[in-house]
């Protein structure tokens, strides 16, 4: 499905450029980090220190959408909306790549603000990451082609449920599974596909996390499985757990995924861990490869 959908988008883009050669359309790739953020500077779209070397290929005109990853999603979401306004309005279009709690950030923005009027911006940010208006006109929502999700925490994590992240960071409360799942309507993606990349290289404390996990988030979240609470989902090799299916169809046991969520990568080899480790590693490496291929 991914190849067909993205091929169709490429044809549409080419047709638009041919039909309107006078338009100065630019494509951007926005990278939205998760919890903590590794010392990144909010509003600085060139700071990729959370991800890895900025010289690494990571999609056309890549931008790092930095926010204070210690704070609540709702309080920091304006940083994400500023970036979407800057680079994804007017004639410009965006590809989105997110990691962990970045899944909550883009989901929150689309569900709660994706149908609002947005001023068309000039893609020239100031020191705070805010861009100026172009002609004073508005559009509804943003120009986004798709969203790639590395180890998405849209469904929360049992590490937050059980107090394993014993810090005063406000975001930990948002990552409680029931809280994350009730934060907004995860089915409301404005018809944009979320391509889920689910890692399964767990660690010694994986007993806290149900089913397969990547050491921080379980398959119920990284696979976009719907519902008010998390559940246990595994690779087909595990006979004692319902399978997380690839694609957008229901998981084993008839457990549905959220609308417009599809599993692009299920880590059957248990090879990919949660973090990028400042070097585009873990499950982030697979999203980066995909973005390099498709975000043109």
C-alpha atoms as a PDB file:
ATOM      1  CA  UNK A   1       0.000   0.000   0.000  1.00  0.00           C
ATOM      2  CA  UNK A   2       2.801   2.412   0.895  1.00  0.00           C
ATOM      3  CA  UNK A   3       4.425   2.196  -2.527  1.00  0.00           C
ATOM      4  CA  UNK A   4       1.118   2.766  -4.306  1.00  0.00           C
ATOM      5  CA  UNK A   5       0.111   5.707  -2.105  1.00  0.00           C
ATOM      6  CA  UNK A   6       3.493   7.393  -2.319  1.00  0.00           C
ATOM      7  CA  UNK A   7       3.816   6.771  -6.032  1.00  0.00           C
ATOM      8  CA  UNK A   8       0.442   8.438  -6.542  1.00  0.00           C
ATOM      9  CA  UNK A   9       1.586  11.421  -4.484  1.00  0.00           C
ATOM     10  CA  UNK A  10       4.723  11.727  -6.603  1.00  0.00           C
ATOM     11  CA  UNK A  11       2.642  11.755  -9.793  1.00  0.00           C
ATOM     12  CA  UNK A  12       0.328  14.389  -8.317  1.00  0.00           C
ATOM     13  CA  UNK A  13       3.280  16.562  -7.319  1.00  0.00           C
ATOM     14  CA  UNK A  14       4.844  16.291 -10.764  1.00  0.00           C
ATOM     15  CA  UNK A  15       1.559  17.184 -12.437  1.00  0.00           C
ATOM     16  CA  UNK A  16       1.150  20.210 -10.175  1.00  0.00           C
ATOM     17  CA  UNK A  17       4.632  21.489 -10.990  1.00  0.00           C
ATOM     18  CA  UNK A  18       4.054  21.040 -14.732  1.00  0.00           C
ATOM     19  CA  UNK A  19       0.667  22.715 -14.609  1.00  0.00           C
ATOM     20  CA  UNK A  20       1.913  25.695 -12.595  1.00  0.00           C
ATOM     21  CA  UNK A  21       5.582  26.353 -13.374  1.00  0.00           C
ATOM     22  CA  UNK A  22       5.358  29.858 -11.953  1.00  0.00           C
ATOM     23  CA  UNK A  23       4.798  28.579  -8.389  1.00  0.00           C
ATOM     24  CA  UNK A  24       7.911  28.504  -6.205  1.00  0.00           C
ATOM     25  CA  UNK A  25       6.909  25.358  -4.316  1.00  0.00           C
ATOM     26  CA  UNK A  26       9.415  23.799  -1.931  1.00  0.00           C
ATOM     27  CA  UNK A  27       9.280  20.482  -0.120  1.00  0.00           C
ATOM     28  CA  UNK A  28      10.568  20.114   3.450  1.00  0.00           C
ATOM     29  CA  UNK A  29      11.141  17.187   5.803  1.00  0.00           C
ATOM     30  CA  UNK A  30      10.311  17.959   9.434  1.00  0.00           C
ATOM     31  CA  UNK A  31      11.786  15.819  12.224  1.00  0.00           C
ATOM     32  CA  UNK A  32       9.922  15.993  15.556  1.00  0.00           C
ATOM     33  CA  UNK A  33      11.771  14.462  18.529  1.00  0.00           C
ATOM     34  CA  UNK A  34      10.319  12.851  21.634  1.00  0.00           C
ATOM     35  CA  UNK A  35      10.796  13.004  25.404  1.00  0.00           C
ATOM     36  CA  UNK A  36      13.721  15.103  26.691  1.00  0.00           C
ATOM     37  CA  UNK A  37      15.177  16.060  23.304  1.00  0.00           C
ATOM     38  CA  UNK A  38      18.871  15.737  24.154  1.00  0.00           C
ATOM     39  CA  UNK A  39      19.741  19.406  24.737  1.00  0.00           C
ATOM     40  CA  UNK A  40      18.161  20.682  21.551  1.00  0.00           C
ATOM     41  CA  UNK A  41      17.257  24.365  21.334  1.00  0.00           C
ATOM     42  CA  UNK A  42      13.530  25.026  20.855  1.00  0.00           C
ATOM     43  CA  UNK A  43      12.896  27.051  17.727  1.00  0.00           C
ATOM     44  CA  UNK A  44      16.249  26.206  16.128  1.00  0.00           C
ATOM     45  CA  UNK A  45      15.421  24.188  13.021  1.00  0.00           C
ATOM     46  CA  UNK A  46      19.088  23.444  12.267  1.00  0.00           C
ATOM     47  CA  UNK A  47      19.856  21.713  15.598  1.00  0.00           C
ATOM     48  CA  UNK A  48      19.795  17.939  14.954  1.00  0.00           C
ATOM     49  CA  UNK A  49      21.750  17.011  18.117  1.00  0.00           C
ATOM     50  CA  UNK A  50      18.853  14.818  19.296  1.00  0.00           C
ATOM     51  CA  UNK A  51      19.065  12.727  16.139  1.00  0.00           C
ATOM     52  CA  UNK A  52      22.654  12.577  14.937  1.00  0.00           C
ATOM     53  CA  UNK A  53      25.069  14.413  12.647  1.00  0.00           C
ATOM     54  CA  UNK A  54      23.263  17.151  10.738  1.00  0.00           C
ATOM     55  CA  UNK A  55      25.278  16.198   7.663  1.00  0.00           C
ATOM     56  CA  UNK A  56      23.458  12.846   7.429  1.00  0.00           C
ATOM     57  CA  UNK A  57      20.867  12.596   4.660  1.00  0.00           C
ATOM     58  CA  UNK A  58      17.377  12.672   6.159  1.00  0.00           C
ATOM     59  CA  UNK A  59      14.959  13.852   3.474  1.00  0.00           C
ATOM     60  CA  UNK A  60      14.637  16.910   1.301  1.00  0.00           C
ATOM     61  CA  UNK A  61      15.339  20.251   3.049  1.00  0.00           C
ATOM     62  CA  UNK A  62      15.323  18.653   6.502  1.00  0.00           C
ATOM     63  CA  UNK A  63      14.364  20.703   9.545  1.00  0.00           C
ATOM     64  CA  UNK A  64      14.585  19.740  13.225  1.00  0.00           C
ATOM     65  CA  UNK A  65      11.410  20.705  15.076  1.00  0.00           C
ATOM     66  CA  UNK A  66      12.784  21.231  18.577  1.00  0.00           C
ATOM     67  CA  UNK A  67      10.620  21.615  21.672  1.00  0.00           C
ATOM     68  CA  UNK A  68      11.172  21.235  25.409  1.00  0.00           C
ATOM     69  CA  UNK A  69      10.746  17.474  25.700  1.00  0.00           C
ATOM     70  CA  UNK A  70      10.433  17.642  29.479  1.00  0.00           C
ATOM     71  CA  UNK A  71       7.159  19.586  29.377  1.00  0.00           C
ATOM     72  CA  UNK A  72       3.566  18.583  28.633  1.00  0.00           C
ATOM     73  CA  UNK A  73       2.505  17.999  25.044  1.00  0.00           C
ATOM     74  CA  UNK A  74      -0.210  20.659  25.081  1.00  0.00           C
ATOM     75  CA  UNK A  75       2.070  23.335  26.500  1.00  0.00           C
ATOM     76  CA  UNK A  76       4.780  22.746  23.880  1.00  0.00           C
ATOM     77  CA  UNK A  77       2.622  21.979  20.855  1.00  0.00           C
ATOM     78  CA  UNK A  78       2.836  25.583  19.676  1.00  0.00           C
ATOM     79  CA  UNK A  79       6.447  24.829  18.697  1.00  0.00           C
ATOM     80  CA  UNK A  80       5.223  22.113  16.346  1.00  0.00           C
ATOM     81  CA  UNK A  81       2.464  24.337  14.957  1.00  0.00           C
ATOM     82  CA  UNK A  82       4.994  27.131  14.392  1.00  0.00           C
ATOM     83  CA  UNK A  83       7.093  24.736  12.287  1.00  0.00           C
ATOM     84  CA  UNK A  84       4.086  23.464  10.348  1.00  0.00           C
ATOM     85  CA  UNK A  85       2.995  27.043   9.674  1.00  0.00           C
ATOM     86  CA  UNK A  86       6.519  27.996   8.580  1.00  0.00           C
ATOM     87  CA  UNK A  87       7.207  25.205   6.122  1.00  0.00           C
ATOM     88  CA  UNK A  88       3.877  23.528   5.294  1.00  0.00           C
ATOM     89  CA  UNK A  89       1.642  26.368   4.095  1.00  0.00           C
ATOM     90  CA  UNK A  90       1.163  28.307   0.884  1.00  0.00           C
ATOM     91  CA  UNK A  91       2.935  26.601  -2.022  1.00  0.00           C
ATOM     92  CA  UNK A  92       5.160  24.528   0.266  1.00  0.00           C
ATOM     93  CA  UNK A  93       4.623  20.907   1.294  1.00  0.00           C
ATOM     94  CA  UNK A  94       6.029  18.748   4.088  1.00  0.00           C
ATOM     95  CA  UNK A  95       6.986  15.203   4.905  1.00  0.00           C
ATOM     96  CA  UNK A  96       6.898  14.512   8.648  1.00  0.00           C
ATOM     97  CA  UNK A  97       9.123  12.124  10.611  1.00  0.00           C
ATOM     98  CA  UNK A  98       8.600  11.724  14.354  1.00  0.00           C
ATOM     99  CA  UNK A  99      10.055   9.696  17.208  1.00  0.00           C
ATOM    100  CA  UNK A 100       8.411   8.458  20.410  1.00  0.00           C
ATOM    101  CA  UNK A 101       6.459  11.347  22.034  1.00  0.00           C
ATOM    102  CA  UNK A 102       6.821  13.245  18.767  1.00  0.00           C
ATOM    103  CA  UNK A 103       3.966  10.964  17.688  1.00  0.00           C
ATOM    104  CA  UNK A 104       1.778  12.607  20.339  1.00  0.00           C
ATOM    105  CA  UNK A 105       2.905  16.048  19.195  1.00  0.00           C
ATOM    106  CA  UNK A 106       1.958  15.643  15.523  1.00  0.00           C
ATOM    107  CA  UNK A 107      -1.215  13.717  16.383  1.00  0.00           C
ATOM    108  CA  UNK A 108      -2.280  16.450  18.815  1.00  0.00           C
ATOM    109  CA  UNK A 109      -1.592  19.196  16.263  1.00  0.00           C
ATOM    110  CA  UNK A 110      -3.556  17.477  13.485  1.00  0.00           C
ATOM    111  CA  UNK A 111      -6.515  16.401  15.605  1.00  0.00           C
ATOM    112  CA  UNK A 112      -7.018  19.708  17.439  1.00  0.00           C
ATOM    113  CA  UNK A 113      -5.688  22.273  14.954  1.00  0.00           C
ATOM    114  CA  UNK A 114      -5.654  20.548  11.566  1.00  0.00           C
ATOM    115  CA  UNK A 115      -8.957  22.116  10.500  1.00  0.00           C
ATOM    116  CA  UNK A 116      -8.170  25.645  11.697  1.00  0.00           C
ATOM    117  CA  UNK A 117      -7.220  28.663   9.594  1.00  0.00           C
ATOM    118  CA  UNK A 118      -3.440  29.016   9.252  1.00  0.00           C
ATOM    119  CA  UNK A 119      -1.681  32.069   7.847  1.00  0.00           C
ATOM    120  CA  UNK A 120       0.515  31.275   4.854  1.00  0.00           C
ATOM    121  CA  UNK A 121       4.134  31.773   5.913  1.00  0.00           C
ATOM    122  CA  UNK A 122       7.393  32.649   4.160  1.00  0.00           C
ATOM    123  CA  UNK A 123       9.590  29.767   5.454  1.00  0.00           C
ATOM    124  CA  UNK A 124      12.043  32.292   6.911  1.00  0.00           C
ATOM    125  CA  UNK A 125      12.048  31.763  10.693  1.00  0.00           C
ATOM    126  CA  UNK A 126      13.185  34.259  13.289  1.00  0.00           C
ATOM    127  CA  UNK A 127      15.228  33.323  16.367  1.00  0.00           C
ATOM    128  CA  UNK A 128      12.130  31.874  18.026  1.00  0.00           C
ATOM    129  CA  UNK A 129      11.232  29.670  15.071  1.00  0.00           C
ATOM    130  CA  UNK A 130       8.333  31.848  13.898  1.00  0.00           C
ATOM    131  CA  UNK A 131       7.960  32.789  10.233  1.00  0.00           C
ATOM    132  CA  UNK A 132       6.390  35.879   8.712  1.00  0.00           C
ATOM    133  CA  UNK A 133       3.184  35.996   6.681  1.00  0.00           C
ATOM    134  CA  UNK A 134       3.357  36.007   2.904  1.00  0.00           C
ATOM    135  CA  UNK A 135       0.252  37.801   1.624  1.00  0.00           C
ATOM    136  CA  UNK A 136      -1.984  37.837   4.699  1.00  0.00           C
ATOM    137  CA  UNK A 137      -4.271  35.062   3.423  1.00  0.00           C
ATOM    138  CA  UNK A 138      -5.029  31.843   5.247  1.00  0.00           C
ATOM    139  CA  UNK A 139      -5.616  28.194   4.444  1.00  0.00           C
ATOM    140  CA  UNK A 140      -7.227  25.334   6.327  1.00  0.00           C
ATOM    141  CA  UNK A 141      -4.633  23.190   8.100  1.00  0.00           C
ATOM    142  CA  UNK A 142      -1.274  22.288   6.597  1.00  0.00           C
ATOM    143  CA  UNK A 143       0.170  20.818   3.390  1.00  0.00           C
ATOM    144  CA  UNK A 144       1.454  17.438   4.585  1.00  0.00           C
ATOM    145  CA  UNK A 145       1.978  14.348   2.438  1.00  0.00           C
ATOM    146  CA  UNK A 146       2.449  11.673   5.127  1.00  0.00           C
ATOM    147  CA  UNK A 147       3.862  10.966   8.592  1.00  0.00           C
ATOM    148  CA  UNK A 148       6.596   8.404   9.394  1.00  0.00           C
ATOM    149  CA  UNK A 149       6.602   7.293  13.036  1.00  0.00           C
ATOM    150  CA  UNK A 150       9.632   5.722  14.761  1.00  0.00           C
ATOM    151  CA  UNK A 151       8.596   3.942  17.963  1.00  0.00           C
ATOM    152  CA  UNK A 152       5.484   6.050  18.359  1.00  0.00           C
ATOM    153  CA  UNK A 153       4.309   6.811  21.895  1.00  0.00           C
ATOM    154  CA  UNK A 154       0.838   7.893  20.810  1.00  0.00           C
ATOM    155  CA  UNK A 155      -0.543   5.109  23.004  1.00  0.00           C
ATOM    156  CA  UNK A 156       1.691   5.875  25.977  1.00  0.00           C
ATOM    157  CA  UNK A 157       4.123   3.631  27.847  1.00  0.00           C
ATOM    158  CA  UNK A 158       3.794   1.392  30.889  1.00  0.00           C
ATOM    159  CA  UNK A 159       7.115   2.821  32.091  1.00  0.00           C
ATOM    160  CA  UNK A 160       5.140   5.976  32.865  1.00  0.00           C
ATOM    161  CA  UNK A 161       2.275   3.945  34.344  1.00  0.00           C
ATOM    162  CA  UNK A 162       4.620   2.195  36.779  1.00  0.00           C
ATOM    163  CA  UNK A 163       6.798   5.141  37.747  1.00  0.00           C
ATOM    164  CA  UNK A 164       9.912   3.823  36.029  1.00  0.00           C
ATOM    165  CA  UNK A 165      10.601   7.331  34.713  1.00  0.00           C
ATOM    166  CA  UNK A 166      10.974   8.662  38.258  1.00  0.00           C
ATOM    167  CA  UNK A 167      11.567  12.293  37.339  1.00  0.00           C
ATOM    168  CA  UNK A 168       9.745  15.549  37.864  1.00  0.00           C
ATOM    169  CA  UNK A 169       9.384  16.047  34.101  1.00  0.00           C
ATOM    170  CA  UNK A 170       5.776  16.990  33.366  1.00  0.00           C
ATOM    171  CA  UNK A 171       5.700  14.943  30.166  1.00  0.00           C
ATOM    172  CA  UNK A 172       5.811  11.683  32.143  1.00  0.00           C
ATOM    173  CA  UNK A 173       2.191  12.268  33.161  1.00  0.00           C
ATOM    174  CA  UNK A 174       1.208  12.625  29.501  1.00  0.00           C
ATOM    175  CA  UNK A 175       2.858   9.282  28.693  1.00  0.00           C
ATOM    176  CA  UNK A 176       0.641   7.270  31.058  1.00  0.00           C
ATOM    177  CA  UNK A 177      -1.173   4.927  28.671  1.00  0.00           C
ATOM    178  CA  UNK A 178      -4.736   5.993  29.531  1.00  0.00           C
ATOM    179  CA  UNK A 179      -3.765   9.687  29.457  1.00  0.00           C
ATOM    180  CA  UNK A 180      -1.967   9.495  26.110  1.00  0.00           C
ATOM    181  CA  UNK A 181      -4.869   7.637  24.515  1.00  0.00           C
ATOM    182  CA  UNK A 182      -7.446  10.134  25.814  1.00  0.00           C
ATOM    183  CA  UNK A 183      -5.458  13.270  24.935  1.00  0.00           C
ATOM    184  CA  UNK A 184      -7.108  13.698  21.511  1.00  0.00           C
ATOM    185  CA  UNK A 185      -8.947  11.602  18.918  1.00  0.00           C
ATOM    186  CA  UNK A 186      -6.187   9.468  17.420  1.00  0.00           C
ATOM    187  CA  UNK A 187      -8.457   8.569  14.499  1.00  0.00           C
ATOM    188  CA  UNK A 188      -8.482  12.216  13.385  1.00  0.00           C
ATOM    189  CA  UNK A 189      -5.407  12.469  11.165  1.00  0.00           C
ATOM    190  CA  UNK A 190      -6.982  14.733   8.488  1.00  0.00           C
ATOM    191  CA  UNK A 191      -6.797  11.676   6.191  1.00  0.00           C
ATOM    192  CA  UNK A 192      -2.996  11.585   6.433  1.00  0.00           C
ATOM    193  CA  UNK A 193      -1.344   8.176   6.675  1.00  0.00           C
ATOM    194  CA  UNK A 194       0.808   7.430   9.706  1.00  0.00           C
ATOM    195  CA  UNK A 195       3.440   4.841   8.732  1.00  0.00           C
ATOM    196  CA  UNK A 196       4.420   3.037  11.947  1.00  0.00           C
ATOM    197  CA  UNK A 197       7.903   1.580  12.493  1.00  0.00           C
ATOM    198  CA  UNK A 198       7.813  -0.715  15.547  1.00  0.00           C
ATOM    199  CA  UNK A 199      11.060  -1.855  17.191  1.00  0.00           C
ATOM    200  CA  UNK A 200      11.357  -4.963  19.386  1.00  0.00           C
ATOM    201  CA  UNK A 201      14.867  -5.021  20.872  1.00  0.00           C
ATOM    202  CA  UNK A 202      13.755  -4.961  24.497  1.00  0.00           C
ATOM    203  CA  UNK A 203      15.845  -5.004  27.692  1.00  0.00           C
ATOM    204  CA  UNK A 204      15.900  -6.712  31.083  1.00  0.00           C
ATOM    205  CA  UNK A 205      12.974  -4.654  32.402  1.00  0.00           C
ATOM    206  CA  UNK A 206      10.776  -5.618  29.477  1.00  0.00           C
ATOM    207  CA  UNK A 207       8.479  -7.486  31.860  1.00  0.00           C
ATOM    208  CA  UNK A 208       6.937  -4.122  32.713  1.00  0.00           C
ATOM    209  CA  UNK A 209       6.052  -3.593  29.061  1.00  0.00           C
ATOM    210  CA  UNK A 210       3.368  -5.928  27.641  1.00  0.00           C
ATOM    211  CA  UNK A 211       4.091  -7.935  24.507  1.00  0.00           C
ATOM    212  CA  UNK A 212       6.977  -6.955  22.247  1.00  0.00           C
ATOM    213  CA  UNK A 213       8.802  -3.712  23.036  1.00  0.00           C
ATOM    214  CA  UNK A 214      11.860  -1.676  22.112  1.00  0.00           C
ATOM    215  CA  UNK A 215      12.909  -0.996  25.752  1.00  0.00           C
ATOM    216  CA  UNK A 216      10.671   2.068  26.158  1.00  0.00           C
ATOM    217  CA  UNK A 217       7.381   1.549  24.260  1.00  0.00           C
ATOM    218  CA  UNK A 218       5.348  -1.574  23.452  1.00  0.00           C
ATOM    219  CA  UNK A 219       3.839  -2.726  20.181  1.00  0.00           C
ATOM    220  CA  UNK A 220       0.349  -1.595  21.208  1.00  0.00           C
ATOM    221  CA  UNK A 221       1.608   1.979  20.900  1.00  0.00           C
ATOM    222  CA  UNK A 222       4.310   1.683  18.243  1.00  0.00           C
ATOM    223  CA  UNK A 223       1.866  -0.289  16.080  1.00  0.00           C
ATOM    224  CA  UNK A 224      -0.975   2.234  16.420  1.00  0.00           C
ATOM    225  CA  UNK A 225      -3.404  -0.233  18.031  1.00  0.00           C
ATOM    226  CA  UNK A 226      -6.653   1.527  18.971  1.00  0.00           C
ATOM    227  CA  UNK A 227      -8.415   1.488  22.335  1.00  0.00           C
ATOM    228  CA  UNK A 228      -8.464   3.282  25.666  1.00  0.00           C
ATOM    229  CA  UNK A 229      -5.682   1.134  27.170  1.00  0.00           C
ATOM    230  CA  UNK A 230      -2.603  -0.728  25.979  1.00  0.00           C
ATOM    231  CA  UNK A 231      -2.462  -4.472  25.368  1.00  0.00           C
ATOM    232  CA  UNK A 232       0.022  -7.217  24.591  1.00  0.00           C
ATOM    233  CA  UNK A 233       0.982  -7.663  20.916  1.00  0.00           C
ATOM    234  CA  UNK A 234       3.902  -9.629  19.551  1.00  0.00           C
ATOM    235  CA  UNK A 235       5.744 -10.981  16.542  1.00  0.00           C
ATOM    236  CA  UNK A 236       4.289 -14.097  14.866  1.00  0.00           C
ATOM    237  CA  UNK A 237       7.018 -16.252  16.440  1.00  0.00           C
ATOM    238  CA  UNK A 238       5.467 -15.697  19.890  1.00  0.00           C
ATOM    239  CA  UNK A 239       2.642 -18.205  20.333  1.00  0.00           C
ATOM    240  CA  UNK A 240       1.431 -16.750  23.625  1.00  0.00           C
ATOM    241  CA  UNK A 241       0.538 -13.275  22.402  1.00  0.00           C
ATOM    242  CA  UNK A 242      -1.682 -11.775  19.706  1.00  0.00           C
ATOM    243  CA  UNK A 243       0.268 -10.799  16.578  1.00  0.00           C
ATOM    244  CA  UNK A 244       0.792  -7.168  15.621  1.00  0.00           C
ATOM    245  CA  UNK A 245      -0.103  -7.305  11.943  1.00  0.00           C
ATOM    246  CA  UNK A 246       1.653  -5.295   9.268  1.00  0.00           C
ATOM    247  CA  UNK A 247      -0.497  -2.965   7.180  1.00  0.00           C
ATOM    248  CA  UNK A 248      -3.623  -1.186   8.390  1.00  0.00           C
ATOM    249  CA  UNK A 249      -5.815  -4.217   9.097  1.00  0.00           C
ATOM    250  CA  UNK A 250      -6.828  -5.435  12.539  1.00  0.00           C
ATOM    251  CA  UNK A 251      -4.326  -7.283  14.718  1.00  0.00           C
ATOM    252  CA  UNK A 252      -4.784 -10.908  15.692  1.00  0.00           C
ATOM    253  CA  UNK A 253      -7.797 -11.159  17.969  1.00  0.00           C
ATOM    254  CA  UNK A 254      -9.611  -8.539  15.861  1.00  0.00           C
ATOM    255  CA  UNK A 255      -8.015  -5.588  17.628  1.00  0.00           C
ATOM    256  CA  UNK A 256      -8.249  -2.594  15.270  1.00  0.00           C
ATOM    257  CA  UNK A 257      -5.623   0.023  14.598  1.00  0.00           C
ATOM    258  CA  UNK A 258      -6.462   3.709  14.619  1.00  0.00           C
ATOM    259  CA  UNK A 259      -7.728   5.098  11.312  1.00  0.00           C
ATOM    260  CA  UNK A 260      -5.009   5.913   8.765  1.00  0.00           C
ATOM    261  CA  UNK A 261      -2.371   4.063  10.819  1.00  0.00           C
ATOM    262  CA  UNK A 262      -0.433   1.294   9.079  1.00  0.00           C
ATOM    263  CA  UNK A 263       2.525  -0.783  10.276  1.00  0.00           C
ATOM    264  CA  UNK A 264       5.354  -0.400   7.763  1.00  0.00           C
ATOM    265  CA  UNK A 265       7.961  -2.225   9.819  1.00  0.00           C
ATOM    266  CA  UNK A 266       7.424  -4.871  12.478  1.00  0.00           C
ATOM    267  CA  UNK A 267      10.748  -5.855  14.010  1.00  0.00           C
ATOM    268  CA  UNK A 268      10.487  -9.637  13.600  1.00  0.00           C
ATOM    269  CA  UNK A 269      14.245 -10.016  14.170  1.00  0.00           C
ATOM    270  CA  UNK A 270      14.141  -7.992  17.413  1.00  0.00           C
ATOM    271  CA  UNK A 271      16.985  -5.872  16.071  1.00  0.00           C
ATOM    272  CA  UNK A 272      15.959  -2.253  16.684  1.00  0.00           C
ATOM    273  CA  UNK A 273      15.947  -0.436  20.006  1.00  0.00           C
ATOM    274  CA  UNK A 274      14.184   2.790  20.940  1.00  0.00           C
ATOM    275  CA  UNK A 275      16.792   5.536  20.940  1.00  0.00           C
ATOM    276  CA  UNK A 276      18.704   7.248  18.139  1.00  0.00           C
ATOM    277  CA  UNK A 277      21.748   7.544  20.484  1.00  0.00           C
ATOM    278  CA  UNK A 278      22.788  10.766  18.802  1.00  0.00           C
ATOM    279  CA  UNK A 279      23.748   8.853  15.677  1.00  0.00           C
ATOM    280  CA  UNK A 280      20.508   8.047  13.812  1.00  0.00           C
ATOM    281  CA  UNK A 281      20.480   4.557  15.369  1.00  0.00           C
ATOM    282  CA  UNK A 282      17.805   2.090  16.497  1.00  0.00           C
ATOM    283  CA  UNK A 283      14.365   2.195  14.926  1.00  0.00           C
ATOM    284  CA  UNK A 284      15.082   5.801  13.885  1.00  0.00           C
ATOM    285  CA  UNK A 285      17.593   4.395  11.393  1.00  0.00           C
ATOM    286  CA  UNK A 286      14.820   2.599   9.512  1.00  0.00           C
ATOM    287  CA  UNK A 287      12.629   5.701   9.365  1.00  0.00           C
ATOM    288  CA  UNK A 288      15.588   7.725   8.118  1.00  0.00           C
ATOM    289  CA  UNK A 289      16.210   5.190   5.335  1.00  0.00           C
ATOM    290  CA  UNK A 290      12.564   5.356   4.324  1.00  0.00           C
ATOM    291  CA  UNK A 291      12.546   9.152   4.375  1.00  0.00           C
ATOM    292  CA  UNK A 292      15.666   9.322   2.207  1.00  0.00           C
ATOM    293  CA  UNK A 293      13.887   7.108  -0.327  1.00  0.00           C
ATOM    294  CA  UNK A 294      10.485   8.809  -0.369  1.00  0.00           C
ATOM    295  CA  UNK A 295      10.841  12.390   0.891  1.00  0.00           C
ATOM    296  CA  UNK A 296      12.011  14.099  -2.289  1.00  0.00           C
END
